[in-house]
């Protein structure tokens, strides 16, 4: 197998979102439902990014594992 690009850290939330959209597609659900699901999940990510921003304002040094625990 040929490798393309670089290895990167993958957000479990982004991976989960993409997987859920794929599953909805495979179930032949209406596009409107898929879009509503996508919007809900993106809003959830946005709110978590706001939480992350607030958390980082109060901490000078933060480890990636610690962020994972804080944000789930």
Protein backbone atom coordinates (compact mmCIF):
# COMPACT_ATOMS: atom_id res chain seq x y z
CA UNK A 1 0.00 0.00 0.00
CA UNK A 2 1.26 3.45 -0.90
CA UNK A 3 1.26 6.14 1.77
CA UNK A 4 0.09 9.63 0.84
CA UNK A 5 0.77 12.78 2.89
CA UNK A 6 1.93 12.91 6.47
CA UNK A 7 0.82 11.27 9.69
CA UNK A 8 -1.10 13.72 11.85
CA UNK A 9 -2.87 13.69 15.19
CA UNK A 10 -6.54 13.01 14.58
CA UNK A 11 -9.24 14.56 16.70
CA UNK A 12 -11.51 11.82 17.96
CA UNK A 13 -14.43 14.26 17.71
CA UNK A 14 -13.77 15.04 14.05
CA UNK A 15 -13.27 11.35 13.31
CA UNK A 16 -16.51 10.50 15.12
CA UNK A 17 -18.39 13.20 13.22
CA UNK A 18 -17.19 11.95 9.85
CA UNK A 19 -17.99 8.36 10.80
CA UNK A 20 -21.51 9.29 11.91
CA UNK A 21 -22.19 11.18 8.67
CA UNK A 22 -20.99 8.15 6.69
CA UNK A 23 -23.31 5.87 8.66
CA UNK A 24 -26.28 8.18 8.05
CA UNK A 25 -25.44 8.19 4.34
CA UNK A 26 -25.25 4.40 4.26
CA UNK A 27 -28.69 4.22 5.91
CA UNK A 28 -30.07 6.41 3.08
CA UNK A 29 -31.44 8.99 5.50
CA UNK A 30 -32.77 12.25 4.01
CA UNK A 31 -30.20 14.96 3.31
CA UNK A 32 -32.07 17.39 5.59
CA UNK A 33 -31.63 15.03 8.52
CA UNK A 34 -27.92 14.58 7.74
CA UNK A 35 -27.44 18.35 7.58
CA UNK A 36 -29.26 18.85 10.91
CA UNK A 37 -27.02 16.20 12.46
CA UNK A 38 -23.92 17.85 11.01
CA UNK A 39 -24.99 21.28 12.29
CA UNK A 40 -25.64 19.91 15.78
CA UNK A 41 -22.27 18.20 15.95
CA UNK A 42 -20.45 21.29 14.60
CA UNK A 43 -22.19 23.43 17.22
CA UNK A 44 -21.02 20.98 19.89
CA UNK A 45 -17.44 21.27 18.59
CA UNK A 46 -17.71 25.06 18.54
CA UNK A 47 -18.87 25.14 22.16
CA UNK A 48 -16.05 22.81 23.19
CA UNK A 49 -13.56 25.05 21.39
CA UNK A 50 -14.94 28.00 23.38
CA UNK A 51 -14.44 25.97 26.56
CA UNK A 52 -10.90 25.19 25.47
CA UNK A 53 -10.21 28.86 24.84
CA UNK A 54 -11.45 29.80 28.32
CA UNK A 55 -9.46 26.98 29.90
CA UNK A 56 -6.23 27.98 28.16
CA UNK A 57 -6.59 31.58 29.31
CA UNK A 58 -6.13 30.43 32.89
CA UNK A 59 -3.25 28.00 32.28
CA UNK A 60 0.18 28.73 30.85
CA UNK A 61 1.35 25.16 30.28
CA UNK A 62 -1.07 22.46 29.26
CA UNK A 63 -0.41 18.93 28.04
CA UNK A 64 -2.42 17.37 25.22
CA UNK A 65 -3.51 14.46 27.46
CA UNK A 66 -4.79 16.92 30.06
CA UNK A 67 -6.84 18.72 27.41
CA UNK A 68 -8.32 15.43 26.31
CA UNK A 69 -9.46 14.73 29.86
CA UNK A 70 -10.90 18.23 30.32
CA UNK A 71 -12.81 18.25 27.02
CA UNK A 72 -13.68 14.59 26.81
